[in-house]
Each structure stands twice: as C-alpha cells, then as structure tokens.
Amino acid sequence: MTRRFVAATVCLSATVAFLVGLVVAGTMTPAPAISATTERPLIDRVTQSSRALLPSTSVSFADIAEQINPAVVSIDATSRGGTRARRRAGGAPDVPPADPFDQQPREREGPRLGTGAGFIIDPAGYILTNHHVVEGAERIVVRLTDGRTLRGEAVGSDPDTDIALIRVESPRPLPFAPMGDSDALRVGEWVVAIGNPLSYEHTVTVGVVSFIGRKLFDSSLDRYIQTDAAINFGNSGGPLISARGEVIGINAAISSRASNIGFAVPINQAKTILPQLKDNGRVSRGYIGVMLRDVDRDLQRALALKSANGALVQDITPDSPGARAGLRTYDVIVALDGEPIDGNDTLVRLIAARPPGSKAMVQVMRDGRPMNIPLKLAERPQRDRRVASAEQLQAPRGTLLGLAVREVDDRTSARFGLPAGARGVVVSGIEPMSPAFDADIERGHLLLEINRQPVRNIGDFRRLTDSVRPGDILTMYLYKPELNQRALETLKIDPR
C-alpha cells in the first residue's frame, strides 16, 4: 500500500513538473521579428487615431454651470393687457412661448405675466434677453441667484433679431457671463443651456449644436443656432454656452412638432447691435428694397449665367432705393463697393451693417454685361414675424412638371388673394413628390414667366413646357400671395 502510494505520488509530481515546464517554455519563446514596413493591426491604428482626435481632458459641464449660473437671471414681465398676447417663453398658460410654429396667438383680457430668462453681460447690470420676453412690458422684475429682486429697465430692443437689452441697478458689481464667438461654432460641439423652463429656475441642460444658420422667420437676417439641448417654455432669453464656458447664443425658440429641437440667436448678432441698443434704444439698418436669392448651379444653368457667385434680384419693392437706382429683376449683384458678394446672406449682412442714408456702389451683371449702379440706402422696415402657410391640395397627375394651371379671372383672383389686374396663370394643383412640389411651388401661386419668357395665358404655358424633357431645368418666376412678393424657383425635371 505504501509502495503504491509513493509510486502514485511520484507520477503525479512528474506530470505537474512537465506541465509547468511547458508553460515556462511558452513564455520564454522569443517573439517574431517585425520589420519597420509591417502594417500594424487595425485595432491598434484605430485606437491611436481615436486618441489623436479626442481631447486630453473631458468637458466638465458642472464647472461650466458653476461658472455661468450666477450671471443667469429670471425675468418677470408684466403688462396691463388689452392687446394681443405676445409670443414669449414663460409660464403663462395661454400662448406656447417662443415657438416659430405657433401662428395663432389668442386675445386675453386683464394683466399679463410673462416669464423668461436673461444673463448679465456687464458688472454695471446690463442684461441680454429676448425681445419677445419683455415686449410691451410695463414692469420688469429681475431675480438674481443670490435671492435679490431688482426692478429692470428696458434699454433697447430689436424685433428683427429678437434681442432686448435691459438694466438693473445694484450697489455692487454683478457677476457676468463672458461672450464668445458664435462664428467659430461648429456642428457637433457640446453646448449647455441655462434658463427657467416651466418656471423651474436655473435648470441646466446639455446637448450638441445640430445646425448653424437655420432660417425661421426672415431668410435675410435669421442665422439661428439649432441645438438638441433641452429648451422648453421659460428658457427664452437664457444663455446657450459653449464647452469653453462662453455664451455663444441666446435661447429664443422651440419647435412644437418635435422634442429637443431648439433655436438660439447667435451671440455675434447681439454684439453687433449692442452699441445701438445702448445709445438709441433701437437698431437702424441699411436697406435697398430688393428680394434676393443665391445663385445655385441649377439657376446658373437655367439662366446661362457665367458664375454661381452673387445674389440674384428676384423682386424689387416699389419706390425703394433699388427701384430708384434702376435695379432690375434677374440682375446678379456680384460686389458692393468692390467687395465680392458670394451670396444672398453676405449682401444682406453688408447692407444691414451700413447706416441709412449712406451711399453705396453696387456692381451687377445684367444679361452678361457688368454694370455699376450707385444708390442711397434707406432704413430697413421692421419685419413681420408671422409666417403664413399656403393651402396644400393634391393635383392631377401625369405631367413632367407635376403642376396644373388655370387662367386668371375675377373669381380666381379673389379666391387666391391675387393683386388687381394680375397677369399670368395661377397654379391650381400640385402633384405630391413632383418637380414642382420639390421646388416649393404651391397652389395659388401666380406664374409670371418661364425661363424669362412671359406666361400670359394657358397657351404660353403649354408652348413653354410641352417640349421639356427629363434633365431640363426651368426657372419659374412667380408671385406668392402668402408672402406678397415675387420669387424665382428652379424646377428640375427628373425621370418619371
């Protein structure tokens, strides 16, 4: 028994020693040599690339909130009422605040209280907020983070950009928020919103920049920053803050049709008009009285233009500086006082930055010929922020264009609100998912020209459209009653 036990023990010990030897031998096996030209595994290359792209330190939203929150204020704006309720971002139950899609504000009797947010930009007590937060207010009350309640005074307001400047008096300097550079903002950057959604004061939300330059009310001035940082009723006037801890926007509007789609006015727009708000209480902008559009590749091809740069004149306001100077429809403005114009936004920005009464030299291309046209700027009228929507109905199918038209008569003019003596054919139907549908042509639009050829009746329309083929591009010159202006739309004929 003892001998058998000793033998088993010896065998087991030998087996264990053999296995241990194998493990040790494996760890000591030299690795194969790798030449300098051997490609690294994909996972290694991806890891190294990711390390190069990611910042060495992550963003601390807590630090940002701690830094900026003391400069964020709550604003109560009260008026006696008796007029149409304004769109504002507050706790008021009657009107969805700061919503570009709410177009039917209701009448309301008695005093009205609107709440919103703002942020201090100067130790002397200057506060930026939205125009619609304090519009028509007869009493403004500002609450600070230290618990103090101060009376606010309206210094200046600009409905066109929805920016207002108010001020409070304080015996000691107030904390203020640094303003950044919204022009340096990029889509995908982290942002922080602070405000009073649903009257929950100093609520902090986080998201990213979803889009830059969104047009909501006025295609010429609007450059809204779109974000998915949660913005709700009461956030209006509060700051939108970059990951660097600088204010890059003023929260102004939300979409009622989707969650987490909010909009902020770029802070650079506010910085541009601050001197006028402080000194004059309002903003004066240069104005030439023309409606413009960018020259895209389709329009360039349809009108046989030499370049896609410039702003094309598609309508001219009667008795405006542009009309008096002799600007015409289809003129392409390529420079202002020698400064090149790459598109509509550039020209509007340059004109709006000049004082009314100043003179300018506009360089245009007219029918392929360069011309210099001097003009004197007027003051830009404040815009109507209402956005109308035209009736949408299905139209007969079967045409390459996807639209049906009819002659203009008294009944048609009255039905679609066309001006007296209107000439042309009226769009009576649009086929869904057609070229006309994609070109933003709507039922009730008055078709005036096709490829610069007048359309006086159905015969002209058929003559100009019967020969179109897939791949052709037509330039439609239309009068849009809902906007009370004329516009150019390019219609690209796709294969059916």
Protein backbone atom coordinates (compact mmCIF):
# COMPACT_ATOMS: atom_id res chain seq x y z
CA MET A 1 0.00 0.00 0.00
CA THR A 2 2.81 2.35 0.93
CA ARG A 3 4.74 1.46 -2.22
CA ARG A 4 1.69 2.07 -4.41
CA PHE A 5 1.09 5.45 -2.72
CA VAL A 6 4.71 6.50 -3.22
CA ALA A 7 4.60 5.50 -6.89
CA ALA A 8 1.40 7.46 -7.49
CA THR A 9 2.83 10.49 -5.80
CA VAL A 10 5.98 10.34 -7.94
CA CYS A 11 3.95 10.04 -11.16
CA LEU A 12 1.70 12.94 -10.23
CA SER A 13 4.69 15.11 -9.34
CA ALA A 14 6.36 14.33 -12.66
CA THR A 15 3.22 15.22 -14.59
CA VAL A 16 2.86 18.56 -12.80
CA ALA A 17 6.54 19.33 -13.39
CA PHE A 18 6.14 18.53 -17.08
CA LEU A 19 3.14 20.88 -17.47
CA VAL A 20 4.88 23.69 -15.59
CA GLY A 21 7.85 23.29 -17.90
CA LEU A 22 5.65 23.68 -20.93
CA VAL A 23 4.16 26.94 -19.57
CA VAL A 24 7.55 28.36 -18.73
CA ALA A 25 8.93 27.41 -22.14
CA GLY A 26 6.00 29.15 -23.85
CA THR A 27 6.56 32.42 -22.00
CA MET A 28 10.24 32.41 -22.89
CA THR A 29 9.69 31.82 -26.60
CA PRO A 30 11.12 34.85 -28.41
CA ALA A 31 8.61 36.96 -30.34
CA PRO A 32 8.97 37.00 -34.12
CA ALA A 33 10.81 39.99 -35.51
CA ILE A 34 8.61 42.71 -37.11
CA SER A 35 10.08 44.82 -39.85
CA ALA A 36 9.54 48.59 -39.98
CA THR A 37 7.30 48.16 -43.02
CA THR A 38 4.91 45.68 -41.40
CA GLU A 39 1.44 47.26 -41.03
CA ARG A 40 0.06 47.46 -37.50
CA PRO A 41 -3.19 45.64 -36.69
CA LEU A 42 -6.32 47.64 -37.50
CA ILE A 43 -7.42 47.85 -33.86
CA ASP A 44 -4.09 49.48 -32.93
CA ARG A 45 -4.37 52.04 -35.71
CA VAL A 46 -7.98 52.90 -34.80
CA THR A 47 -7.06 53.26 -31.13
CA GLN A 48 -4.15 55.58 -31.89
CA SER A 49 -6.31 57.64 -34.30
CA SER A 50 -9.03 57.99 -31.67
CA ARG A 51 -6.52 59.15 -29.10
CA ALA A 52 -5.32 61.83 -31.51
CA LEU A 53 -8.88 63.08 -32.11
CA LEU A 54 -10.11 63.11 -28.52
CA PRO A 55 -9.11 65.94 -26.18
CA SER A 56 -6.78 65.13 -23.37
CA THR A 57 -9.36 66.26 -20.81
CA SER A 58 -13.13 65.89 -20.96
CA VAL A 59 -15.58 68.79 -20.68
CA SER A 60 -16.90 69.42 -17.18
CA PHE A 61 -20.47 70.63 -17.52
CA ALA A 62 -20.58 71.05 -13.77
CA ASP A 63 -17.73 73.58 -13.95
CA ILE A 64 -19.49 75.45 -16.77
CA ALA A 65 -22.76 75.61 -14.86
CA GLU A 66 -20.98 76.73 -11.69
CA GLN A 67 -19.20 79.50 -13.61
CA ILE A 68 -22.16 80.88 -15.60
CA ASN A 69 -25.16 80.27 -13.34
CA PRO A 70 -24.54 83.30 -11.09
CA ALA A 71 -24.91 85.54 -14.17
CA VAL A 72 -28.23 83.98 -15.24
CA VAL A 73 -31.36 85.82 -14.08
CA SER A 74 -35.09 85.19 -14.04
CA ILE A 75 -37.31 87.82 -15.67
CA ASP A 76 -40.98 88.55 -14.96
CA ALA A 77 -42.53 90.96 -17.47
CA THR A 78 -45.99 92.33 -16.68
CA SER A 79 -48.35 94.48 -18.73
CA ARG A 80 -51.92 95.63 -18.20
CA GLY A 81 -53.21 93.59 -21.13
CA GLY A 82 -55.96 94.58 -23.52
CA THR A 83 -53.84 93.83 -26.60
CA ARG A 84 -52.98 90.67 -28.42
CA ALA A 85 -50.95 88.31 -26.30
CA ARG A 86 -47.36 88.10 -27.43
CA ARG A 87 -45.32 85.01 -28.10
CA ARG A 88 -42.97 84.63 -25.19
CA ALA A 89 -41.16 81.90 -23.35
CA GLY A 90 -42.81 81.91 -19.99
CA GLY A 91 -45.02 80.07 -17.60
CA ALA A 92 -48.12 81.79 -18.94
CA PRO A 93 -50.62 79.07 -19.87
CA ASP A 94 -52.23 80.87 -22.78
CA VAL A 95 -49.58 81.03 -25.50
CA PRO A 96 -46.84 78.48 -26.26
CA PRO A 97 -43.72 80.61 -25.76
CA ALA A 98 -41.03 81.33 -28.28
CA ASP A 99 -42.43 78.94 -30.82
CA PRO A 100 -41.99 79.78 -34.52
CA PHE A 101 -44.73 77.29 -35.42
CA ASP A 102 -47.37 78.90 -33.20
CA GLN A 103 -49.10 81.35 -35.50
CA GLN A 104 -52.42 81.89 -33.72
CA PRO A 105 -51.90 83.90 -30.52
CA ARG A 106 -55.15 84.43 -28.66
CA GLU A 107 -56.68 87.53 -27.16
CA ARG A 108 -56.57 87.79 -23.41
CA GLU A 109 -58.12 90.29 -21.03
CA GLY A 110 -56.55 91.74 -17.90
CA PRO A 111 -52.92 91.87 -16.74
CA ARG A 112 -50.47 89.54 -18.43
CA LEU A 113 -47.42 87.99 -16.85
CA GLY A 114 -44.63 86.51 -18.91
CA THR A 115 -41.57 84.83 -17.53
CA GLY A 116 -38.27 84.15 -19.18
CA ALA A 117 -34.56 84.28 -18.57
CA GLY A 118 -31.61 86.52 -19.29
CA PHE A 119 -27.93 86.82 -18.49
CA ILE A 120 -25.77 89.65 -17.21
CA ILE A 121 -23.11 90.80 -19.67
CA ASP A 122 -21.65 93.72 -17.69
CA PRO A 123 -20.95 94.27 -13.96
CA ALA A 124 -22.92 97.52 -14.24
CA GLY A 125 -26.13 95.48 -14.61
CA TYR A 126 -26.75 95.21 -18.36
CA ILE A 127 -28.73 92.07 -19.21
CA LEU A 128 -29.41 90.41 -22.56
CA THR A 129 -32.69 88.62 -23.19
CA ASN A 130 -35.23 88.13 -25.98
CA HIS A 131 -37.38 90.92 -27.38
CA HIS A 132 -40.49 88.75 -27.04
CA VAL A 133 -39.82 88.22 -23.32
CA VAL A 134 -40.14 91.93 -22.48
CA GLU A 135 -42.18 93.17 -25.45
CA GLY A 136 -44.86 95.60 -24.27
CA ALA A 137 -43.93 95.11 -20.60
CA GLU A 138 -44.78 97.95 -18.23
CA ARG A 139 -42.99 96.38 -15.27
CA ILE A 140 -39.88 94.18 -15.42
CA VAL A 141 -38.71 92.30 -12.32
CA VAL A 142 -35.33 90.56 -12.30
CA ARG A 143 -34.39 87.87 -9.77
CA LEU A 144 -30.69 87.14 -9.15
CA THR A 145 -29.17 83.89 -7.95
CA ASP A 146 -28.35 85.46 -4.57
CA GLY A 147 -32.07 85.90 -3.92
CA ARG A 148 -32.30 89.61 -4.62
CA THR A 149 -35.20 91.00 -6.65
CA LEU A 150 -34.50 94.17 -8.66
CA ARG A 151 -36.60 96.32 -10.93
CA GLY A 152 -35.44 96.18 -14.52
CA GLU A 153 -35.45 98.99 -17.08
CA ALA A 154 -35.80 98.38 -20.81
CA VAL A 155 -32.78 99.95 -22.52
CA GLY A 156 -33.35 98.85 -26.12
CA SER A 157 -34.96 96.18 -28.22
CA ASP A 158 -34.71 94.80 -31.75
CA PRO A 159 -37.69 92.76 -33.00
CA ASP A 160 -35.83 91.76 -36.18
CA THR A 161 -33.30 89.66 -34.28
CA ASP A 162 -35.47 89.08 -31.18
CA ILE A 163 -32.86 90.67 -28.90
CA ALA A 164 -33.51 93.04 -26.00
CA LEU A 165 -31.22 94.84 -23.56
CA ILE A 166 -32.40 95.67 -20.03
CA ARG A 167 -30.59 97.03 -16.99
CA VAL A 168 -30.81 96.75 -13.22
CA GLU A 169 -29.23 98.98 -10.56
CA SER A 170 -27.05 97.27 -7.98
CA PRO A 171 -24.89 98.81 -5.23
CA ARG A 172 -22.11 96.34 -6.02
CA PRO A 173 -20.77 94.87 -9.27
CA LEU A 174 -22.70 91.89 -10.56
CA PRO A 175 -21.30 88.61 -11.88
CA PHE A 176 -21.38 88.49 -15.66
CA ALA A 177 -21.11 85.87 -18.38
CA PRO A 178 -18.29 86.11 -20.96
CA MET A 179 -19.44 86.26 -24.58
CA GLY A 180 -17.73 84.03 -27.11
CA ASP A 181 -17.50 83.92 -30.89
CA SER A 182 -20.55 82.23 -32.43
CA ASP A 183 -18.94 82.38 -35.88
CA ALA A 184 -16.35 79.86 -34.68
CA LEU A 185 -19.03 77.39 -33.59
CA ARG A 186 -19.17 74.02 -35.34
CA VAL A 187 -21.92 71.48 -35.76
CA GLY A 188 -21.49 68.69 -33.23
CA GLU A 189 -19.95 70.81 -30.46
CA TRP A 190 -21.21 70.40 -26.91
CA VAL A 191 -23.39 73.22 -25.59
CA VAL A 192 -25.13 73.97 -22.30
CA ALA A 193 -28.45 75.80 -21.91
CA ILE A 194 -29.47 77.50 -18.67
CA GLY A 195 -32.88 79.01 -18.04
CA ASN A 196 -36.23 78.67 -16.33
CA PRO A 197 -38.19 76.02 -18.23
CA LEU A 198 -41.74 75.79 -16.93
CA SER A 199 -40.65 78.18 -14.13
CA TYR A 200 -38.04 75.72 -12.80
CA GLU A 201 -35.34 78.32 -12.31
CA HIS A 202 -31.68 77.77 -13.23
CA THR A 203 -32.24 74.45 -14.95
CA VAL A 204 -29.16 73.19 -16.78
CA THR A 205 -29.45 71.03 -19.89
CA VAL A 206 -26.77 69.68 -22.22
CA GLY A 207 -26.71 68.81 -25.92
CA VAL A 208 -24.88 69.48 -29.15
CA VAL A 209 -25.11 72.00 -31.95
CA SER A 210 -27.37 70.38 -34.54
CA PHE A 211 -27.26 73.04 -37.27
CA ILE A 212 -25.91 76.55 -37.82
CA GLY A 213 -27.70 79.22 -39.82
CA ARG A 214 -31.27 77.97 -39.56
CA LYS A 215 -33.90 80.25 -41.16
CA LEU A 216 -37.16 80.55 -39.22
CA PHE A 217 -38.80 83.93 -39.76
CA ASP A 218 -36.73 86.03 -42.14
CA SER A 219 -34.46 84.38 -44.67
CA SER A 220 -32.33 87.51 -44.93
CA LEU A 221 -31.47 88.08 -41.24
CA ASP A 222 -32.02 84.78 -39.45
CA ARG A 223 -28.98 82.65 -38.62
CA TYR A 224 -30.32 80.62 -35.71
CA ILE A 225 -28.21 78.01 -33.95
CA GLN A 226 -30.16 74.76 -33.70
CA THR A 227 -29.47 72.51 -30.73
CA ASP A 228 -30.84 69.37 -29.14
CA ALA A 229 -30.08 70.65 -25.64
CA ALA A 230 -33.50 70.59 -23.96
CA ILE A 231 -35.14 74.03 -24.28
CA ASN A 232 -38.67 74.50 -23.01
CA PHE A 233 -41.16 77.25 -22.20
CA GLY A 234 -39.27 79.67 -19.98
CA ASN A 235 -35.81 79.13 -21.46
CA SER A 236 -36.18 82.15 -23.77
CA GLY A 237 -33.54 84.79 -23.16
CA GLY A 238 -31.22 82.41 -21.33
CA PRO A 239 -27.68 81.68 -22.49
CA LEU A 240 -26.50 78.90 -24.76
CA ILE A 241 -22.95 78.20 -23.63
CA SER A 242 -20.04 76.56 -25.41
CA ALA A 243 -17.75 73.91 -23.93
CA ARG A 244 -15.26 76.74 -23.32
CA GLY A 245 -17.64 78.36 -20.86
CA GLU A 246 -18.59 81.29 -23.15
CA VAL A 247 -22.07 82.39 -24.21
CA ILE A 248 -22.49 81.75 -27.93
CA GLY A 249 -26.26 82.16 -28.24
CA ILE A 250 -29.49 83.48 -26.73
CA ASN A 251 -32.14 80.77 -26.46
CA ALA A 252 -35.16 82.02 -28.38
CA ALA A 253 -37.47 79.41 -29.90
CA ILE A 254 -38.57 75.80 -29.84
CA SER A 255 -40.38 73.53 -32.23
CA SER A 256 -43.79 72.34 -31.10
CA ARG A 257 -43.67 69.50 -33.62
CA ALA A 258 -40.68 67.64 -32.21
CA SER A 259 -38.87 67.21 -28.92
CA ASN A 260 -35.42 68.61 -28.30
CA ILE A 261 -35.30 70.96 -31.27
CA GLY A 262 -34.45 74.43 -30.01
CA PHE A 263 -33.04 77.57 -31.54
CA ALA A 264 -30.76 80.33 -30.28
CA VAL A 265 -29.82 83.73 -31.68
CA PRO A 266 -26.04 83.80 -32.37
CA ILE A 267 -24.27 85.99 -29.82
CA ASN A 268 -22.34 87.76 -32.58
CA GLN A 269 -25.62 89.22 -33.81
CA ALA A 270 -26.17 90.67 -30.34
CA LYS A 271 -22.64 92.05 -30.09
CA THR A 272 -23.07 93.81 -33.43
CA ILE A 273 -26.17 95.75 -32.35
CA LEU A 274 -25.33 96.34 -28.67
CA PRO A 275 -23.92 99.86 -29.23
CA GLN A 276 -27.13 100.95 -30.98
CA LEU A 277 -29.32 99.38 -28.30
CA LYS A 278 -27.39 101.20 -25.57
CA ASP A 279 -27.25 104.57 -27.32
CA ASN A 280 -30.52 104.70 -29.25
CA GLY A 281 -32.76 102.02 -27.81
CA ARG A 282 -33.38 100.61 -31.30
CA VAL A 283 -31.47 99.37 -34.33
CA SER A 284 -31.30 101.10 -37.71
CA ARG A 285 -30.18 99.06 -40.68
CA GLY A 286 -29.42 99.89 -44.28
CA TYR A 287 -31.93 98.79 -46.89
CA ILE A 288 -32.11 98.72 -50.68
CA GLY A 289 -35.55 97.15 -51.09
CA VAL A 290 -34.85 94.07 -53.18
CA MET A 291 -35.64 90.42 -52.60
CA LEU A 292 -32.66 88.21 -53.30
CA ARG A 293 -31.73 84.59 -53.71
CA ASP A 294 -28.48 82.70 -54.05
CA VAL A 295 -27.33 81.57 -57.46
CA ASP A 296 -27.09 77.79 -57.31
CA ARG A 297 -25.89 75.51 -60.09
CA ASP A 298 -29.38 74.82 -61.39
CA LEU A 299 -30.23 78.51 -61.62
CA GLN A 300 -26.87 79.23 -63.23
CA ARG A 301 -27.56 76.62 -65.88
CA ALA A 302 -31.18 77.68 -66.46
CA LEU A 303 -30.30 81.37 -66.88
CA ALA A 304 -26.98 80.76 -68.66
CA LEU A 305 -25.04 82.71 -66.05
CA LYS A 306 -21.26 82.74 -66.18
CA SER A 307 -20.78 82.19 -62.44
CA ALA A 308 -22.66 80.81 -59.45
CA ASN A 309 -21.42 83.64 -57.24
CA GLY A 310 -23.55 86.63 -56.36
CA ALA A 311 -27.08 87.46 -55.22
CA LEU A 312 -29.81 87.43 -57.85
CA VAL A 313 -32.53 90.09 -57.70
CA GLN A 314 -35.94 88.39 -57.94
CA ASP A 315 -38.23 91.20 -56.73
CA ILE A 316 -37.96 94.95 -56.16
CA THR A 317 -40.06 96.99 -53.73
CA PRO A 318 -41.66 99.98 -55.47
CA ASP A 319 -40.13 103.37 -54.60
CA SER A 320 -37.23 101.70 -52.76
CA PRO A 321 -33.56 102.64 -53.20
CA GLY A 322 -33.10 99.69 -55.54
CA ALA A 323 -36.09 100.71 -57.68
CA ARG A 324 -34.98 104.34 -57.84
CA ALA A 325 -31.43 103.31 -58.78
CA GLY A 326 -32.66 101.18 -61.67
CA LEU A 327 -32.04 97.64 -60.43
CA ARG A 328 -33.97 95.05 -62.39
CA THR A 329 -35.22 91.53 -61.93
CA TYR A 330 -32.57 88.96 -62.96
CA ASP A 331 -29.71 91.37 -62.11
CA VAL A 332 -26.96 89.49 -60.29
CA ILE A 333 -25.23 91.61 -57.64
CA VAL A 334 -21.61 90.47 -57.57
CA ALA A 335 -19.92 93.19 -55.48
CA LEU A 336 -20.65 96.07 -53.11
CA ASP A 337 -18.13 98.90 -53.25
CA GLY A 338 -15.64 96.44 -54.70
CA GLU A 339 -16.17 93.76 -52.03
CA PRO A 340 -17.15 90.46 -53.68
CA ILE A 341 -20.58 89.03 -52.91
CA ASP A 342 -20.72 85.25 -52.75
CA GLY A 343 -24.41 85.01 -51.90
CA ASN A 344 -27.58 86.48 -50.50
CA ASP A 345 -26.55 86.40 -46.82
CA THR A 346 -23.30 88.25 -47.47
CA LEU A 347 -25.01 91.12 -49.28
CA VAL A 348 -27.75 91.48 -46.65
CA ARG A 349 -25.18 91.49 -43.86
CA LEU A 350 -23.09 94.18 -45.54
CA ILE A 351 -26.09 96.38 -46.37
CA ALA A 352 -27.67 95.98 -42.93
CA ALA A 353 -24.39 96.96 -41.24
CA ARG A 354 -24.41 100.35 -43.00
CA PRO A 355 -26.35 103.33 -41.68
CA PRO A 356 -29.44 104.56 -43.54
CA GLY A 357 -28.62 107.50 -45.78
CA SER A 358 -25.17 106.24 -46.69
CA LYS A 359 -24.20 105.75 -50.33
CA ALA A 360 -23.02 102.57 -51.99
CA MET A 361 -21.89 101.40 -55.41
CA VAL A 362 -23.43 98.09 -56.48
CA GLN A 363 -21.71 96.04 -59.16
CA VAL A 364 -24.16 93.87 -61.11
CA MET A 365 -24.17 91.52 -64.07
CA ARG A 366 -27.10 92.26 -66.38
CA ASP A 367 -27.57 89.93 -69.32
CA GLY A 368 -23.88 89.06 -69.13
CA ARG A 369 -22.69 92.70 -69.02
CA PRO A 370 -21.08 94.28 -65.92
CA MET A 371 -22.65 97.49 -64.63
CA ASN A 372 -22.01 99.89 -61.73
CA ILE A 373 -25.16 101.25 -60.09
CA PRO A 374 -24.92 103.93 -57.36
CA LEU A 375 -27.67 104.06 -54.76
CA LYS A 376 -28.51 105.65 -51.41
CA LEU A 377 -29.59 103.36 -48.59
CA ALA A 378 -32.88 103.81 -46.79
CA GLU A 379 -33.79 102.45 -43.35
CA ARG A 380 -34.87 98.84 -43.29
CA PRO A 381 -38.50 98.46 -42.12
CA GLN A 382 -39.04 96.09 -39.23
CA ARG A 383 -40.23 92.74 -40.39
CA ASP A 384 -43.48 90.99 -39.66
CA ARG A 385 -42.51 87.77 -37.88
CA ARG A 386 -45.67 85.98 -38.87
CA VAL A 387 -45.17 83.04 -41.19
CA ALA A 388 -48.05 82.22 -43.48
CA SER A 389 -48.69 78.82 -44.95
CA ALA A 390 -50.44 78.27 -48.25
CA GLU A 391 -53.17 75.74 -48.85
CA GLN A 392 -51.84 72.34 -49.93
CA LEU A 393 -54.04 70.10 -52.08
CA GLN A 394 -53.42 67.18 -54.37
CA ALA A 395 -53.28 67.92 -58.07
CA PRO A 396 -53.86 65.88 -61.19
CA ARG A 397 -51.06 63.51 -62.10
CA GLY A 398 -49.49 62.92 -65.45
CA THR A 399 -47.26 65.89 -66.31
CA LEU A 400 -43.49 66.05 -66.10
CA LEU A 401 -43.69 69.28 -64.12
CA GLY A 402 -46.28 68.00 -61.68
CA LEU A 403 -48.46 71.11 -61.67
CA ALA A 404 -51.76 72.24 -63.14
CA VAL A 405 -52.60 75.84 -64.01
CA ARG A 406 -55.67 77.86 -64.92
CA GLU A 407 -56.42 81.25 -66.41
CA VAL A 408 -56.70 84.22 -64.06
CA ASP A 409 -60.24 85.58 -63.73
CA ASP A 410 -62.04 87.65 -61.10
CA ARG A 411 -63.12 84.58 -59.17
CA THR A 412 -59.62 83.10 -59.15
CA SER A 413 -58.07 86.44 -58.12
CA ALA A 414 -60.46 86.76 -55.20
CA ARG A 415 -60.00 83.15 -54.10
CA PHE A 416 -56.22 83.24 -54.01
CA GLY A 417 -55.79 86.89 -52.98
CA LEU A 418 -54.08 87.98 -56.18
CA PRO A 419 -53.49 91.69 -56.83
CA ALA A 420 -55.90 93.58 -59.06
CA GLY A 421 -55.03 93.30 -62.74
CA ALA A 422 -52.79 90.27 -62.20
CA ARG A 423 -51.46 88.76 -65.43
CA GLY A 424 -50.30 85.19 -65.79
CA VAL A 425 -51.65 81.76 -64.92
CA VAL A 426 -52.41 80.57 -61.42
CA VAL A 427 -51.21 77.22 -60.07
CA SER A 428 -54.38 75.24 -59.37
CA GLY A 429 -52.82 71.97 -58.28
CA ILE A 430 -49.51 70.33 -57.32
CA GLU A 431 -48.73 66.66 -57.66
CA PRO A 432 -47.05 65.30 -54.50
CA MET A 433 -43.40 64.30 -54.87
CA SER A 434 -43.20 66.02 -58.25
CA PRO A 435 -40.56 68.51 -59.52
CA ALA A 436 -42.98 71.38 -58.79
CA PHE A 437 -43.56 70.05 -55.27
CA ASP A 438 -39.80 69.86 -54.66
CA ALA A 439 -39.38 73.43 -55.96
CA ASP A 440 -41.69 74.86 -53.22
CA ILE A 441 -44.33 75.89 -55.74
CA GLU A 442 -47.77 75.88 -54.15
CA ARG A 443 -51.39 76.05 -55.15
CA GLY A 444 -52.39 79.69 -55.57
CA HIS A 445 -49.01 80.93 -56.79
CA LEU A 446 -49.20 83.14 -59.87
CA LEU A 447 -46.84 82.01 -62.63
CA LEU A 448 -45.45 85.06 -64.47
CA GLU A 449 -42.50 83.78 -66.51
CA ILE A 450 -40.75 80.57 -67.51
CA ASN A 451 -37.08 80.92 -68.43
CA ARG A 452 -37.60 84.70 -68.69
CA GLN A 453 -40.43 84.24 -71.23
CA PRO A 454 -43.78 85.79 -70.20
CA VAL A 455 -46.67 83.48 -69.38
CA ARG A 456 -49.86 85.42 -70.17
CA ASN A 457 -52.24 82.51 -70.66
CA ILE A 458 -52.57 78.74 -70.88
CA GLY A 459 -51.28 78.81 -74.45
CA ASP A 460 -47.99 80.43 -73.36
CA PHE A 461 -47.65 77.89 -70.55
CA ARG A 462 -48.13 74.93 -72.89
CA ARG A 463 -45.80 76.38 -75.52
CA LEU A 464 -43.02 76.80 -72.96
CA THR A 465 -43.48 73.45 -71.21
CA ASP A 466 -44.56 70.97 -73.91
CA SER A 467 -41.00 70.44 -75.11
CA VAL A 468 -39.37 69.86 -71.71
CA ARG A 469 -37.51 66.60 -71.24
CA PRO A 470 -36.07 64.78 -68.23
CA GLY A 471 -32.90 66.56 -67.12
CA ASP A 472 -34.10 70.03 -68.18
CA ILE A 473 -34.15 72.88 -65.67
CA LEU A 474 -36.84 75.55 -65.79
CA THR A 475 -36.74 78.88 -63.98
CA MET A 476 -40.20 79.79 -62.73
CA TYR A 477 -40.87 83.44 -61.88
CA LEU A 478 -43.84 83.50 -59.51
CA TYR A 479 -45.88 85.84 -57.37
CA LYS A 480 -46.55 84.31 -53.93
CA PRO A 481 -49.65 85.86 -52.35
CA GLU A 482 -48.90 84.50 -48.86
CA LEU A 483 -45.61 86.43 -48.86
CA ASN A 484 -46.80 89.33 -51.04
CA GLN A 485 -43.66 89.12 -53.14
CA ARG A 486 -42.24 87.62 -56.30
CA ALA A 487 -39.67 84.85 -56.30
CA LEU A 488 -37.61 82.68 -58.61
CA GLU A 489 -37.78 78.92 -58.23
CA THR A 490 -35.79 76.39 -60.26
CA LEU A 491 -37.68 73.27 -61.32
CA LYS A 492 -35.59 70.28 -62.32
CA ILE A 493 -37.32 67.69 -64.49
CA ASP A 494 -36.43 64.23 -63.19
CA PRO A 495 -37.11 60.93 -64.94
CA ARG A 496 -40.59 59.58 -64.18
